[in-house]
Amino acid sequence: MEEREFFTESTEQRTHNLTCPKCGQAAEYKVTWIVRRKRPSLPRHADERDRARFAKAQSYMVRRDDKLSCVNVRCRKPFEITGLQSLAFLQD
């Protein structure tokens, strides 16, 4: 059984306060995340090993965007998101 069968997957946009490393201006950016929430119950065709893995699984988010463009009209240069973690666990 694959890990994807334990979760429902969706995409969300969340705002984060980031600073452009080129011009130094801080602004709010919308970052896209893939959100995987744990299903309420295990699929029927699971065995004992799958039940143990499902018990340990928890909901989490994975950052989808790696680069953003600066919102400053004079800069507009792309920069990598380095100050924001790429994986975050969710509290249900």
PDB file of N, CA and C in Angstrom:
ATOM      1  N   MET A   1       0.839  -1.178   0.000  1.00  0.00           N
ATOM      2  CA  MET A   1       0.000   0.000   0.000  1.00  0.00           C
ATOM      3  C   MET A   1       0.887   1.245   0.000  1.00  0.00           C
ATOM      4  N   GLU A   2       0.546   2.223  -0.824  1.00  0.00           N
ATOM      5  CA  GLU A   2       1.339   3.443  -0.920  1.00  0.00           C
ATOM      6  C   GLU A   2       0.945   4.461   0.145  1.00  0.00           C
ATOM      7  N   GLU A   3       1.882   5.345   0.441  1.00  0.00           N
ATOM      8  CA  GLU A   3       1.635   6.378   1.450  1.00  0.00           C
ATOM      9  C   GLU A   3       0.530   7.334   1.012  1.00  0.00           C
ATOM     10  N   ARG A   4       0.372   7.567  -0.277  1.00  0.00           N
ATOM     11  CA  ARG A   4      -0.649   8.493  -0.778  1.00  0.00           C
ATOM     12  C   ARG A   4      -2.067   8.048  -0.423  1.00  0.00           C
ATOM     13  N   GLU A   5      -2.262   6.756  -0.210  1.00  0.00           N
ATOM     14  CA  GLU A   5      -3.586   6.255   0.148  1.00  0.00           C
ATOM     15  C   GLU A   5      -3.973   6.602   1.587  1.00  0.00           C
ATOM     16  N   PHE A   6      -3.015   7.055   2.390  1.00  0.00           N
ATOM     17  CA  PHE A   6      -3.292   7.452   3.772  1.00  0.00           C
ATOM     18  C   PHE A   6      -3.764   8.899   3.874  1.00  0.00           C
ATOM     19  N   PHE A   7      -3.582   9.697   2.806  1.00  0.00           N
ATOM     20  CA  PHE A   7      -3.817  11.137   2.869  1.00  0.00           C
ATOM     21  C   PHE A   7      -4.760  11.619   1.772  1.00  0.00           C
ATOM     22  N   THR A   8      -5.421  12.752   2.041  1.00  0.00           N
ATOM     23  CA  THR A   8      -6.118  13.499   0.993  1.00  0.00           C
ATOM     24  C   THR A   8      -5.234  14.697   0.666  1.00  0.00           C
ATOM     25  N   GLU A   9      -5.063  14.967  -0.620  1.00  0.00           N
ATOM     26  CA  GLU A   9      -4.118  15.990  -1.058  1.00  0.00           C
ATOM     27  C   GLU A   9      -4.854  17.173  -1.671  1.00  0.00           C
ATOM     28  N   SER A  10      -4.424  18.381  -1.308  1.00  0.00           N
ATOM     29  CA  SER A  10      -4.983  19.606  -1.877  1.00  0.00           C
ATOM     30  C   SER A  10      -3.888  20.668  -1.917  1.00  0.00           C
ATOM     31  N   THR A  11      -4.141  21.752  -2.641  1.00  0.00           N
ATOM     32  CA  THR A  11      -3.186  22.852  -2.689  1.00  0.00           C
ATOM     33  C   THR A  11      -3.798  24.073  -2.013  1.00  0.00           C
ATOM     34  N   GLU A  12      -2.950  24.823  -1.322  1.00  0.00           N
ATOM     35  CA  GLU A  12      -3.368  26.049  -0.634  1.00  0.00           C
ATOM     36  C   GLU A  12      -2.335  27.129  -0.881  1.00  0.00           C
ATOM     37  N   GLN A  13      -2.790  28.364  -0.863  1.00  0.00           N
ATOM     38  CA  GLN A  13      -1.882  29.506  -0.929  1.00  0.00           C
ATOM     39  C   GLN A  13      -1.922  30.208   0.419  1.00  0.00           C
ATOM     40  N   ARG A  14      -0.749  30.416   0.992  1.00  0.00           N
ATOM     41  CA  ARG A  14      -0.635  31.110   2.272  1.00  0.00           C
ATOM     42  C   ARG A  14       0.299  32.301   2.100  1.00  0.00           C
ATOM     43  N   THR A  15       0.017  33.357   2.834  1.00  0.00           N
ATOM     44  CA  THR A  15       0.852  34.548   2.734  1.00  0.00           C
ATOM     45  C   THR A  15       1.976  34.486   3.771  1.00  0.00           C
ATOM     46  N   HIS A  16       3.159  34.878   3.347  1.00  0.00           N
ATOM     47  CA  HIS A  16       4.334  34.909   4.214  1.00  0.00           C
ATOM     48  C   HIS A  16       5.060  36.228   3.993  1.00  0.00           C
ATOM     49  N   ASN A  17       5.644  36.752   5.048  1.00  0.00           N
ATOM     50  CA  ASN A  17       6.404  37.990   4.974  1.00  0.00           C
ATOM     51  C   ASN A  17       7.853  37.621   4.649  1.00  0.00           C
ATOM     52  N   LEU A  18       8.298  37.941   3.421  1.00  0.00           N
ATOM     53  CA  LEU A  18       9.641  37.606   2.964  1.00  0.00           C
ATOM     54  C   LEU A  18      10.369  38.871   2.517  1.00  0.00           C
ATOM     55  N   THR A  19      11.693  38.818   2.520  1.00  0.00           N
ATOM     56  CA  THR A  19      12.520  39.942   2.098  1.00  0.00           C
ATOM     57  C   THR A  19      13.294  39.554   0.841  1.00  0.00           C
ATOM     58  N   CYS A  20      13.249  40.423  -0.150  1.00  0.00           N
ATOM     59  CA  CYS A  20      14.002  40.207  -1.390  1.00  0.00           C
ATOM     60  C   CYS A  20      15.489  40.390  -1.093  1.00  0.00           C
ATOM     61  N   PRO A  21      16.342  39.420  -1.419  1.00  0.00           N
ATOM     62  CA  PRO A  21      17.770  39.572  -1.139  1.00  0.00           C
ATOM     63  C   PRO A  21      18.468  40.561  -2.080  1.00  0.00           C
ATOM     64  N   LYS A  22      17.863  40.876  -3.203  1.00  0.00           N
ATOM     65  CA  LYS A  22      18.496  41.774  -4.173  1.00  0.00           C
ATOM     66  C   LYS A  22      18.292  43.248  -3.800  1.00  0.00           C
ATOM     67  N   CYS A  23      17.019  43.624  -3.495  1.00  0.00           N
ATOM     68  CA  CYS A  23      16.748  45.033  -3.176  1.00  0.00           C
ATOM     69  C   CYS A  23      16.539  45.278  -1.679  1.00  0.00           C
ATOM     70  N   GLY A  24      16.286  44.214  -0.897  1.00  0.00           N
ATOM     71  CA  GLY A  24      16.144  44.345   0.549  1.00  0.00           C
ATOM     72  C   GLY A  24      14.768  44.774   1.019  1.00  0.00           C
ATOM     73  N   GLN A  25      13.785  44.811   0.128  1.00  0.00           N
ATOM     74  CA  GLN A  25      12.443  45.232   0.511  1.00  0.00           C
ATOM     75  C   GLN A  25      11.636  44.035   1.012  1.00  0.00           C
ATOM     76  N   ALA A  26      10.985  44.218   2.168  1.00  0.00           N
ATOM     77  CA  ALA A  26      10.131  43.177   2.737  1.00  0.00           C
ATOM     78  C   ALA A  26       8.703  43.378   2.248  1.00  0.00           C
ATOM     79  N   ALA A  27       8.032  42.272   1.945  1.00  0.00           N
ATOM     80  CA  ALA A  27       6.647  42.338   1.479  1.00  0.00           C
ATOM     81  C   ALA A  27       5.980  40.998   1.754  1.00  0.00           C
ATOM     82  N   GLU A  28       4.655  40.980   1.611  1.00  0.00           N
ATOM     83  CA  GLU A  28       3.906  39.745   1.760  1.00  0.00           C
ATOM     84  C   GLU A  28       3.802  39.056   0.407  1.00  0.00           C
ATOM     85  N   TYR A  29       4.143  37.769   0.390  1.00  0.00           N
ATOM     86  CA  TYR A  29       4.095  36.961  -0.823  1.00  0.00           C
ATOM     87  C   TYR A  29       3.162  35.784  -0.600  1.00  0.00           C
ATOM     88  N   LYS A  30       2.472  35.375  -1.658  1.00  0.00           N
ATOM     89  CA  LYS A  30       1.634  34.185  -1.603  1.00  0.00           C
ATOM     90  C   LYS A  30       2.464  32.992  -2.049  1.00  0.00           C
ATOM     91  N   VAL A  31       2.592  32.016  -1.153  1.00  0.00           N
ATOM     92  CA  VAL A  31       3.380  30.818  -1.418  1.00  0.00           C
ATOM     93  C   VAL A  31       2.417  29.639  -1.524  1.00  0.00           C
ATOM     94  N   THR A  32       2.599  28.814  -2.544  1.00  0.00           N
ATOM     95  CA  THR A  32       1.730  27.659  -2.767  1.00  0.00           C
ATOM     96  C   THR A  32       2.278  26.456  -2.002  1.00  0.00           C
ATOM     97  N   TRP A  33       1.392  25.780  -1.293  1.00  0.00           N
ATOM     98  CA  TRP A  33       1.733  24.593  -0.506  1.00  0.00           C
ATOM     99  C   TRP A  33       0.863  23.420  -0.959  1.00  0.00           C
ATOM    100  N   ILE A  34       1.417  22.224  -0.936  1.00  0.00           N
ATOM    101  CA  ILE A  34       0.652  20.991  -1.118  1.00  0.00           C
ATOM    102  C   ILE A  34       0.346  20.482   0.282  1.00  0.00           C
ATOM    103  N   VAL A  35      -0.935  20.381   0.606  1.00  0.00           N
ATOM    104  CA  VAL A  35      -1.357  19.989   1.950  1.00  0.00           C
ATOM    105  C   VAL A  35      -1.855  18.544   1.897  1.00  0.00           C
ATOM    106  N   ARG A  36      -1.270  17.692   2.727  1.00  0.00           N
ATOM    107  CA  ARG A  36      -1.685  16.292   2.816  1.00  0.00           C
ATOM    108  C   ARG A  36      -2.233  16.049   4.215  1.00  0.00           C
ATOM    109  N   ARG A  37      -3.554  15.843   4.267  1.00  0.00           N
ATOM    110  CA  ARG A  37      -4.230  15.610   5.551  1.00  0.00           C
ATOM    111  C   ARG A  37      -4.525  14.121   5.700  1.00  0.00           C
ATOM    112  N   LYS A  38      -4.297  13.622   6.894  1.00  0.00           N
ATOM    113  CA  LYS A  38      -4.510  12.203   7.174  1.00  0.00           C
ATOM    114  C   LYS A  38      -5.997  11.865   7.075  1.00  0.00           C
ATOM    115  N   ARG A  39      -6.300  10.771   6.406  1.00  0.00           N
ATOM    116  CA  ARG A  39      -7.694  10.330   6.274  1.00  0.00           C
ATOM    117  C   ARG A  39      -8.223   9.865   7.634  1.00  0.00           C
ATOM    118  N   PRO A  40      -9.536   9.952   7.824  1.00  0.00           N
ATOM    119  CA  PRO A  40     -10.084   9.534   9.125  1.00  0.00           C
ATOM    120  C   PRO A  40      -9.988   8.033   9.378  1.00  0.00           C
ATOM    121  N   SER A  41      -9.982   7.230   8.300  1.00  0.00           N
ATOM    122  CA  SER A  41      -9.878   5.787   8.497  1.00  0.00           C
ATOM    123  C   SER A  41      -9.000   5.179   7.412  1.00  0.00           C
ATOM    124  N   LEU A  42      -8.523   4.014   7.693  1.00  0.00           N
ATOM    125  CA  LEU A  42      -7.641   3.283   6.797  1.00  0.00           C
ATOM    126  C   LEU A  42      -8.448   2.592   5.704  1.00  0.00           C
ATOM    127  N   PRO A  43      -7.935   2.512   4.467  1.00  0.00           N
ATOM    128  CA  PRO A  43      -8.638   1.762   3.424  1.00  0.00           C
ATOM    129  C   PRO A  43      -8.816   0.288   3.804  1.00  0.00           C
ATOM    130  N   ARG A  44      -9.812  -0.347   3.243  1.00  0.00           N
ATOM    131  CA  ARG A  44     -10.188  -1.709   3.643  1.00  0.00           C
ATOM    132  C   ARG A  44      -9.136  -2.776   3.340  1.00  0.00           C
ATOM    133  N   HIS A  45      -8.377  -2.624   2.289  1.00  0.00           N
ATOM    134  CA  HIS A  45      -7.439  -3.676   1.883  1.00  0.00           C
ATOM    135  C   HIS A  45      -6.074  -3.558   2.563  1.00  0.00           C
ATOM    136  N   ALA A  46      -6.020  -3.014   3.763  1.00  0.00           N
ATOM    137  CA  ALA A  46      -4.759  -2.824   4.486  1.00  0.00           C
ATOM    138  C   ALA A  46      -4.442  -4.040   5.349  1.00  0.00           C
ATOM    139  N   ASP A  47      -3.135  -4.323   5.490  1.00  0.00           N
ATOM    140  CA  ASP A  47      -2.711  -5.410   6.369  1.00  0.00           C
ATOM    141  C   ASP A  47      -2.119  -4.826   7.659  1.00  0.00           C
ATOM    142  N   GLU A  48      -1.518  -5.661   8.487  1.00  0.00           N
ATOM    143  CA  GLU A  48      -0.994  -5.224   9.783  1.00  0.00           C
ATOM    144  C   GLU A  48       0.139  -4.198   9.639  1.00  0.00           C
ATOM    145  N   ARG A  49       0.991  -4.395   8.660  1.00  0.00           N
ATOM    146  CA  ARG A  49       2.098  -3.464   8.449  1.00  0.00           C
ATOM    147  C   ARG A  49       1.571  -2.085   8.050  1.00  0.00           C
ATOM    148  N   ASP A  50       0.528  -2.067   7.201  1.00  0.00           N
ATOM    149  CA  ASP A  50      -0.082  -0.800   6.795  1.00  0.00           C
ATOM    150  C   ASP A  50      -0.771  -0.111   7.963  1.00  0.00           C
ATOM    151  N   ARG A  51      -1.385  -0.885   8.841  1.00  0.00           N
ATOM    152  CA  ARG A  51      -2.037  -0.302  10.025  1.00  0.00           C
ATOM    153  C   ARG A  51      -1.020   0.377  10.935  1.00  0.00           C
ATOM    154  N   ALA A  52       0.152  -0.225  11.076  1.00  0.00           N
ATOM    155  CA  ALA A  52       1.200   0.365  11.912  1.00  0.00           C
ATOM    156  C   ALA A  52       1.715   1.662  11.281  1.00  0.00           C
ATOM    157  N   ARG A  53       1.904   1.684   9.966  1.00  0.00           N
ATOM    158  CA  ARG A  53       2.350   2.894   9.286  1.00  0.00           C
ATOM    159  C   ARG A  53       1.291   3.987   9.365  1.00  0.00           C
ATOM    160  N   PHE A  54       0.009   3.621   9.262  1.00  0.00           N
ATOM    161  CA  PHE A  54      -1.079   4.593   9.327  1.00  0.00           C
ATOM    162  C   PHE A  54      -1.168   5.211  10.725  1.00  0.00           C
ATOM    163  N   ALA A  55      -0.912   4.437  11.754  1.00  0.00           N
ATOM    164  CA  ALA A  55      -0.963   4.955  13.126  1.00  0.00           C
ATOM    165  C   ALA A  55       0.117   6.013  13.358  1.00  0.00           C
ATOM    166  N   LYS A  56       1.277   5.866  12.710  1.00  0.00           N
ATOM    167  CA  LYS A  56       2.375   6.822  12.879  1.00  0.00           C
ATOM    168  C   LYS A  56       2.245   8.040  11.971  1.00  0.00           C
ATOM    169  N   ALA A  57       1.444   7.947  10.920  1.00  0.00           N
ATOM    170  CA  ALA A  57       1.331   9.042   9.945  1.00  0.00           C
ATOM    171  C   ALA A  57       0.653  10.257  10.565  1.00  0.00           C
ATOM    172  N   GLN A  58       1.064  11.456  10.101  1.00  0.00           N
ATOM    173  CA  GLN A  58       0.413  12.687  10.533  1.00  0.00           C
ATOM    174  C   GLN A  58       0.345  13.667   9.366  1.00  0.00           C
ATOM    175  N   SER A  59      -0.572  14.610   9.451  1.00  0.00           N
ATOM    176  CA  SER A  59      -0.796  15.574   8.380  1.00  0.00           C
ATOM    177  C   SER A  59       0.399  16.509   8.242  1.00  0.00           C
ATOM    178  N   TYR A  60       0.685  16.913   6.979  1.00  0.00           N
ATOM    179  CA  TYR A  60       1.813  17.797   6.737  1.00  0.00           C
ATOM    180  C   TYR A  60       1.609  18.616   5.467  1.00  0.00           C
ATOM    181  N   MET A  61       2.458  19.646   5.286  1.00  0.00           N
ATOM    182  CA  MET A  61       2.442  20.507   4.104  1.00  0.00           C
ATOM    183  C   MET A  61       3.839  20.498   3.490  1.00  0.00           C
ATOM    184  N   VAL A  62       3.878  20.528   2.154  1.00  0.00           N
ATOM    185  CA  VAL A  62       5.129  20.603   1.413  1.00  0.00           C
ATOM    186  C   VAL A  62       5.077  21.864   0.563  1.00  0.00           C
ATOM    187  N   ARG A  63       6.121  22.687   0.622  1.00  0.00           N
ATOM    188  CA  ARG A  63       6.164  23.913  -0.162  1.00  0.00           C
ATOM    189  C   ARG A  63       6.359  23.571  -1.640  1.00  0.00           C
ATOM    190  N   ARG A  64       5.500  24.110  -2.497  1.00  0.00           N
ATOM    191  CA  ARG A  64       5.576  23.838  -3.928  1.00  0.00           C
ATOM    192  C   ARG A  64       6.421  24.875  -4.666  1.00  0.00           C
ATOM    193  N   ASP A  65       6.369  26.119  -4.232  1.00  0.00           N
ATOM    194  CA  ASP A  65       7.135  27.195  -4.870  1.00  0.00           C
ATOM    195  C   ASP A  65       8.558  27.217  -4.334  1.00  0.00           C
ATOM    196  N   ASP A  66       9.521  27.286  -5.251  1.00  0.00           N
ATOM    197  CA  ASP A  66      10.916  27.434  -4.858  1.00  0.00           C
ATOM    198  C   ASP A  66      11.432  28.840  -5.136  1.00  0.00           C
ATOM    199  N   LYS A  67      10.850  29.499  -6.131  1.00  0.00           N
ATOM    200  CA  LYS A  67      11.266  30.856  -6.498  1.00  0.00           C
ATOM    201  C   LYS A  67      10.055  31.769  -6.568  1.00  0.00           C
ATOM    202  N   LEU A  68      10.272  33.026  -6.212  1.00  0.00           N
ATOM    203  CA  LEU A  68       9.258  34.072  -6.321  1.00  0.00           C
ATOM    204  C   LEU A  68       9.884  35.283  -6.999  1.00  0.00           C
ATOM    205  N   SER A  69       9.055  36.139  -7.567  1.00  0.00           N
ATOM    206  CA  SER A  69       9.540  37.393  -8.146  1.00  0.00           C
ATOM    207  C   SER A  69       9.264  38.517  -7.165  1.00  0.00           C
ATOM    208  N   CYS A  70      10.188  39.437  -7.058  1.00  0.00           N
ATOM    209  CA  CYS A  70      10.068  40.569  -6.147  1.00  0.00           C
ATOM    210  C   CYS A  70       8.873  41.434  -6.550  1.00  0.00           C
ATOM    211  N   VAL A  71       8.139  41.951  -5.556  1.00  0.00           N
ATOM    212  CA  VAL A  71       6.975  42.786  -5.844  1.00  0.00           C
ATOM    213  C   VAL A  71       7.351  44.244  -6.063  1.00  0.00           C
ATOM    214  N   ASN A  72       8.604  44.615  -5.761  1.00  0.00           N
ATOM    215  CA  ASN A  72       9.075  45.978  -5.990  1.00  0.00           C
ATOM    216  C   ASN A  72       9.125  46.227  -7.499  1.00  0.00           C
ATOM    217  N   VAL A  73       8.497  47.294  -7.957  1.00  0.00           N
ATOM    218  CA  VAL A  73       8.414  47.595  -9.385  1.00  0.00           C
ATOM    219  C   VAL A  73       9.800  47.814  -9.990  1.00  0.00           C
ATOM    220  N   ARG A  74      10.696  48.382  -9.241  1.00  0.00           N
ATOM    221  CA  ARG A  74      12.039  48.655  -9.765  1.00  0.00           C
ATOM    222  C   ARG A  74      12.927  47.410  -9.798  1.00  0.00           C
ATOM    223  N   CYS A  75      12.624  46.433  -8.991  1.00  0.00           N
ATOM    224  CA  CYS A  75      13.470  45.234  -8.897  1.00  0.00           C
ATOM    225  C   CYS A  75      12.919  44.103  -9.785  1.00  0.00           C
ATOM    226  N   ARG A  76      11.788  43.532  -9.420  1.00  0.00           N
ATOM    227  CA  ARG A  76      11.124  42.443 -10.150  1.00  0.00           C
ATOM    228  C   ARG A  76      11.998  41.231 -10.449  1.00  0.00           C
ATOM    229  N   LYS A  77      13.088  41.067  -9.733  1.00  0.00           N
ATOM    230  CA  LYS A  77      13.988  39.949  -9.985  1.00  0.00           C
ATOM    231  C   LYS A  77      13.520  38.712  -9.230  1.00  0.00           C
ATOM    232  N   PRO A  78      13.701  37.531  -9.824  1.00  0.00           N
ATOM    233  CA  PRO A  78      13.332  36.306  -9.108  1.00  0.00           C
ATOM    234  C   PRO A  78      14.365  35.985  -8.022  1.00  0.00           C
ATOM    235  N   PHE A  79      13.871  35.415  -6.917  1.00  0.00           N
ATOM    236  CA  PHE A  79      14.763  34.983  -5.848  1.00  0.00           C
ATOM    237  C   PHE A  79      14.256  33.690  -5.259  1.00  0.00           C
ATOM    238  N   GLU A  80      15.185  32.902  -4.729  1.00  0.00           N
ATOM    239  CA  GLU A  80      14.823  31.632  -4.108  1.00  0.00           C
ATOM    240  C   GLU A  80      14.339  31.867  -2.690  1.00  0.00           C
ATOM    241  N   ILE A  81      13.382  31.059  -2.279  1.00  0.00           N
ATOM    242  CA  ILE A  81      12.860  31.135  -0.917  1.00  0.00           C
ATOM    243  C   ILE A  81      13.787  30.308  -0.029  1.00  0.00           C
ATOM    244  N   THR A  82      14.601  30.961   0.770  1.00  0.00           N
ATOM    245  CA  THR A  82      15.539  30.237   1.630  1.00  0.00           C
ATOM    246  C   THR A  82      15.165  30.334   3.101  1.00  0.00           C
ATOM    247  N   GLY A  83      14.462  31.362   3.496  1.00  0.00           N
ATOM    248  CA  GLY A  83      14.146  31.553   4.900  1.00  0.00           C
ATOM    249  C   GLY A  83      12.883  30.848   5.355  1.00  0.00           C
ATOM    250  N   LEU A  84      12.278  30.069   4.485  1.00  0.00           N
ATOM    251  CA  LEU A  84      11.011  29.397   4.792  1.00  0.00           C
ATOM    252  C   LEU A  84      11.219  27.901   4.630  1.00  0.00           C
ATOM    253  N   GLN A  85      10.857  27.137   5.655  1.00  0.00           N
ATOM    254  CA  GLN A  85      11.078  25.694   5.574  1.00  0.00           C
ATOM    255  C   GLN A  85      10.222  25.063   4.484  1.00  0.00           C
ATOM    256  N   SER A  86      10.665  23.942   3.959  1.00  0.00           N
ATOM    257  CA  SER A  86       9.982  23.304   2.838  1.00  0.00           C
ATOM    258  C   SER A  86       8.962  22.268   3.283  1.00  0.00           C
ATOM    259  N   LEU A  87       9.001  21.834   4.540  1.00  0.00           N
ATOM    260  CA  LEU A  87       8.064  20.843   5.057  1.00  0.00           C
ATOM    261  C   LEU A  87       7.589  21.311   6.423  1.00  0.00           C
ATOM    262  N   ALA A  88       6.276  21.257   6.652  1.00  0.00           N
ATOM    263  CA  ALA A  88       5.726  21.654   7.953  1.00  0.00           C
ATOM    264  C   ALA A  88       4.637  20.663   8.360  1.00  0.00           C
ATOM    265  N   PHE A  89       4.715  20.160   9.584  1.00  0.00           N
ATOM    266  CA  PHE A  89       3.695  19.254  10.091  1.00  0.00           C
ATOM    267  C   PHE A  89       2.518  20.064  10.618  1.00  0.00           C
ATOM    268  N   LEU A  90       1.307  19.527  10.439  1.00  0.00           N
ATOM    269  CA  LEU A  90       0.086  20.209  10.862  1.00  0.00           C
ATOM    270  C   LEU A  90      -0.448  19.596  12.147  1.00  0.00           C
ATOM    271  N   GLN A  91      -1.019  20.419  12.990  1.00  0.00           N
ATOM    272  CA  GLN A  91      -1.680  19.945  14.202  1.00  0.00           C
ATOM    273  C   GLN A  91      -3.173  19.807  13.908  1.00  0.00           C
ATOM    274  N   ASP A  92      -3.696  18.627  14.036  1.00  0.00           N
ATOM    275  CA  ASP A  92      -5.130  18.400  13.761  1.00  0.00           C
ATOM    276  C   ASP A  92      -5.945  18.443  15.027  1.00  0.00           C
TER     277      ASP A  92
END
